[in-house]
Amino acid sequence: MVEPMKLKDAPKDVIPFEVYPTNEMDGYLMEDVYGNKSWCSRGYLEDNFTIYDSFVDRMQLELNELDERIGKLEKFIETDSFMSLEETDRSLLNEQLQAMHKYLGVLSCRMERATSN
């Protein structure tokens, strides 16, 4: 949960996530999945995080992250470090890469369907 809120309006037990906070600072009250609450300035949150409101936004984020991981694994597979691994480990990494490509394909199809309607 993220809720716009000035620091002065935040609950008293909330710890500001800011180096030099002032009561009039615009910011956000945040609550994590465990119920922990904190407050951070609008500038910090907007500069360091992206808020995804819809499942399409979240799918796009997942697609981007998966594509990046695939690229990193493909580069690693081309290295001497990869070749120095035991054959079983190389085989498992290749299987993982294939599974990641399949997952990327499925996710891309879901994204296409979600955005074409």
C-alpha atoms as a PDB file:
ATOM      1  CA  MET A   1       0.000   0.000   0.000  1.00  0.00           C
ATOM      2  CA  VAL A   2       1.249   3.460  -0.874  1.00  0.00           C
ATOM      3  CA  GLU A   3      -0.751   6.526   0.153  1.00  0.00           C
ATOM      4  CA  PRO A   4       0.132  10.170  -0.546  1.00  0.00           C
ATOM      5  CA  MET A   5       0.673  11.983   2.764  1.00  0.00           C
ATOM      6  CA  LYS A   6       2.638  14.852   4.266  1.00  0.00           C
ATOM      7  CA  LEU A   7       5.019  13.789   7.002  1.00  0.00           C
ATOM      8  CA  LYS A   8       3.093  15.815   9.589  1.00  0.00           C
ATOM      9  CA  ASP A   9      -0.023  13.721   8.843  1.00  0.00           C
ATOM     10  CA  ALA A  10       1.708  10.356   9.156  1.00  0.00           C
ATOM     11  CA  PRO A  11       1.028   8.271  12.267  1.00  0.00           C
ATOM     12  CA  LYS A  12       3.429   9.152  15.068  1.00  0.00           C
ATOM     13  CA  ASP A  13       4.969   5.674  15.210  1.00  0.00           C
ATOM     14  CA  VAL A  14       6.005   5.783  11.546  1.00  0.00           C
ATOM     15  CA  ILE A  15       9.703   6.287  10.926  1.00  0.00           C
ATOM     16  CA  PRO A  16      10.540   8.612   8.027  1.00  0.00           C
ATOM     17  CA  PHE A  17      12.784   7.144   5.368  1.00  0.00           C
ATOM     18  CA  GLU A  18      14.480  10.447   4.679  1.00  0.00           C
ATOM     19  CA  VAL A  19      17.774  12.043   5.700  1.00  0.00           C
ATOM     20  CA  TYR A  20      16.468  15.537   6.568  1.00  0.00           C
ATOM     21  CA  PRO A  21      12.675  15.367   6.739  1.00  0.00           C
ATOM     22  CA  THR A  22      10.447  18.345   7.406  1.00  0.00           C
ATOM     23  CA  ASN A  23       6.822  18.132   8.499  1.00  0.00           C
ATOM     24  CA  GLU A  24       5.585  19.908   5.365  1.00  0.00           C
ATOM     25  CA  MET A  25       7.319  17.515   2.969  1.00  0.00           C
ATOM     26  CA  ASP A  26       5.069  15.804   0.464  1.00  0.00           C
ATOM     27  CA  GLY A  27       5.547  12.094   0.550  1.00  0.00           C
ATOM     28  CA  TYR A  28       3.967   8.719   0.907  1.00  0.00           C
ATOM     29  CA  LEU A  29       2.935   6.490   3.753  1.00  0.00           C
ATOM     30  CA  MET A  30       3.932   2.969   2.751  1.00  0.00           C
ATOM     31  CA  GLU A  31       2.960  -0.381   4.203  1.00  0.00           C
ATOM     32  CA  ASP A  32       4.683  -3.610   3.234  1.00  0.00           C
ATOM     33  CA  VAL A  33       3.116  -7.067   3.090  1.00  0.00           C
ATOM     34  CA  TYR A  34       4.060  -7.635   6.744  1.00  0.00           C
ATOM     35  CA  GLY A  35       2.215  -4.553   7.973  1.00  0.00           C
ATOM     36  CA  ASN A  36       5.355  -2.466   8.588  1.00  0.00           C
ATOM     37  CA  LYS A  37       4.751   1.200   7.881  1.00  0.00           C
ATOM     38  CA  SER A  38       7.215   3.858   6.842  1.00  0.00           C
ATOM     39  CA  TRP A  39       7.159   7.256   5.186  1.00  0.00           C
ATOM     40  CA  CYS A  40       9.355   8.597   2.390  1.00  0.00           C
ATOM     41  CA  SER A  41       9.454  11.820   0.452  1.00  0.00           C
ATOM     42  CA  ARG A  42       7.713  12.077  -2.891  1.00  0.00           C
ATOM     43  CA  GLY A  43      10.992  12.853  -4.636  1.00  0.00           C
ATOM     44  CA  TYR A  44      12.744   9.794  -3.252  1.00  0.00           C
ATOM     45  CA  LEU A  45       9.908   7.431  -4.086  1.00  0.00           C
ATOM     46  CA  GLU A  46       9.371   8.795  -7.577  1.00  0.00           C
ATOM     47  CA  ASP A  47      13.115   8.830  -8.348  1.00  0.00           C
ATOM     48  CA  ASN A  48      13.762   5.294  -7.114  1.00  0.00           C
ATOM     49  CA  PHE A  49      10.574   3.281  -7.653  1.00  0.00           C
ATOM     50  CA  THR A  50       7.985   2.724 -10.310  1.00  0.00           C
ATOM     51  CA  ILE A  51       4.439   2.187  -9.174  1.00  0.00           C
ATOM     52  CA  TYR A  52       2.593  -0.405 -11.229  1.00  0.00           C
ATOM     53  CA  ASP A  53      -1.152  -0.073 -10.960  1.00  0.00           C
ATOM     54  CA  SER A  54      -2.459  -2.782 -13.274  1.00  0.00           C
ATOM     55  CA  PHE A  55      -1.710  -6.413 -14.023  1.00  0.00           C
ATOM     56  CA  VAL A  56      -0.571  -5.314 -17.491  1.00  0.00           C
ATOM     57  CA  ASP A  57       2.002  -2.997 -15.878  1.00  0.00           C
ATOM     58  CA  ARG A  58       3.185  -5.852 -13.672  1.00  0.00           C
ATOM     59  CA  MET A  59       3.372  -8.230 -16.640  1.00  0.00           C
ATOM     60  CA  GLN A  60       5.433  -5.676 -18.556  1.00  0.00           C
ATOM     61  CA  LEU A  61       7.807  -5.367 -15.607  1.00  0.00           C
ATOM     62  CA  GLU A  62       8.098  -9.155 -15.427  1.00  0.00           C
ATOM     63  CA  LEU A  63       8.732  -9.345 -19.193  1.00  0.00           C
ATOM     64  CA  ASN A  64      11.477  -6.733 -18.965  1.00  0.00           C
ATOM     65  CA  GLU A  65      13.157  -8.436 -15.993  1.00  0.00           C
ATOM     66  CA  LEU A  66      12.935 -11.873 -17.608  1.00  0.00           C
ATOM     67  CA  ASP A  67      14.355 -10.573 -20.875  1.00  0.00           C
ATOM     68  CA  GLU A  68      17.270  -9.020 -18.977  1.00  0.00           C
ATOM     69  CA  ARG A  69      17.953 -12.272 -17.096  1.00  0.00           C
ATOM     70  CA  ILE A  70      17.853 -14.253 -20.338  1.00  0.00           C
ATOM     71  CA  GLY A  71      20.401 -11.881 -21.847  1.00  0.00           C
ATOM     72  CA  LYS A  72      22.706 -12.255 -18.849  1.00  0.00           C
ATOM     73  CA  LEU A  73      22.483 -16.043 -18.909  1.00  0.00           C
ATOM     74  CA  GLU A  74      23.111 -16.159 -22.656  1.00  0.00           C
ATOM     75  CA  LYS A  75      26.240 -14.033 -22.196  1.00  0.00           C
ATOM     76  CA  PHE A  76      27.414 -16.250 -19.340  1.00  0.00           C
ATOM     77  CA  ILE A  77      26.960 -19.376 -21.461  1.00  0.00           C
ATOM     78  CA  GLU A  78      29.457 -17.925 -23.948  1.00  0.00           C
ATOM     79  CA  THR A  79      32.200 -17.530 -21.314  1.00  0.00           C
ATOM     80  CA  ASP A  80      35.101 -19.690 -20.215  1.00  0.00           C
ATOM     81  CA  SER A  81      33.583 -19.707 -16.727  1.00  0.00           C
ATOM     82  CA  PHE A  82      30.568 -21.546 -18.098  1.00  0.00           C
ATOM     83  CA  MET A  83      32.782 -24.023 -19.933  1.00  0.00           C
ATOM     84  CA  SER A  84      34.695 -24.707 -16.715  1.00  0.00           C
ATOM     85  CA  LEU A  85      31.520 -25.968 -15.010  1.00  0.00           C
ATOM     86  CA  GLU A  86      30.763 -29.657 -14.796  1.00  0.00           C
ATOM     87  CA  GLU A  87      28.753 -31.037 -17.704  1.00  0.00           C
ATOM     88  CA  THR A  88      25.684 -31.572 -15.491  1.00  0.00           C
ATOM     89  CA  ASP A  89      25.696 -27.934 -14.382  1.00  0.00           C
ATOM     90  CA  ARG A  90      26.106 -26.706 -17.973  1.00  0.00           C
ATOM     91  CA  SER A  91      23.233 -28.925 -19.031  1.00  0.00           C
ATOM     92  CA  LEU A  92      21.011 -27.623 -16.228  1.00  0.00           C
ATOM     93  CA  LEU A  93      21.781 -24.013 -17.131  1.00  0.00           C
ATOM     94  CA  ASN A  94      20.909 -24.722 -20.769  1.00  0.00           C
ATOM     95  CA  GLU A  95      17.628 -26.307 -19.661  1.00  0.00           C
ATOM     96  CA  GLN A  96      16.956 -23.260 -17.498  1.00  0.00           C
ATOM     97  CA  LEU A  97      17.577 -20.979 -20.469  1.00  0.00           C
ATOM     98  CA  GLN A  98      15.147 -22.979 -22.609  1.00  0.00           C
ATOM     99  CA  ALA A  99      12.510 -22.794 -19.876  1.00  0.00           C
ATOM    100  CA  MET A 100      13.061 -19.036 -19.541  1.00  0.00           C
ATOM    101  CA  HIS A 101      12.568 -18.602 -23.299  1.00  0.00           C
ATOM    102  CA  LYS A 102       9.364 -20.647 -23.167  1.00  0.00           C
ATOM    103  CA  TYR A 103       8.115 -18.593 -20.214  1.00  0.00           C
ATOM    104  CA  LEU A 104       8.970 -15.386 -22.079  1.00  0.00           C
ATOM    105  CA  GLY A 105       6.936 -16.624 -25.043  1.00  0.00           C
ATOM    106  CA  VAL A 106       3.913 -17.437 -22.875  1.00  0.00           C
ATOM    107  CA  LEU A 107       4.139 -14.125 -21.048  1.00  0.00           C
ATOM    108  CA  SER A 108       4.429 -12.272 -24.365  1.00  0.00           C
ATOM    109  CA  CYS A 109       1.264 -13.992 -25.642  1.00  0.00           C
ATOM    110  CA  ARG A 110      -0.582 -13.043 -22.468  1.00  0.00           C
ATOM    111  CA  MET A 111       0.603  -9.459 -22.837  1.00  0.00           C
ATOM    112  CA  GLU A 112      -0.512  -9.365 -26.459  1.00  0.00           C
ATOM    113  CA  ARG A 113      -3.971 -10.643 -25.517  1.00  0.00           C
ATOM    114  CA  ALA A 114      -4.283  -8.244 -22.580  1.00  0.00           C
ATOM    115  CA  THR A 115      -3.356  -5.190 -24.629  1.00  0.00           C
ATOM    116  CA  SER A 116      -5.271  -6.034 -27.819  1.00  0.00           C
ATOM    117  CA  ASN A 117      -8.708  -5.885 -26.180  1.00  0.00           C
END
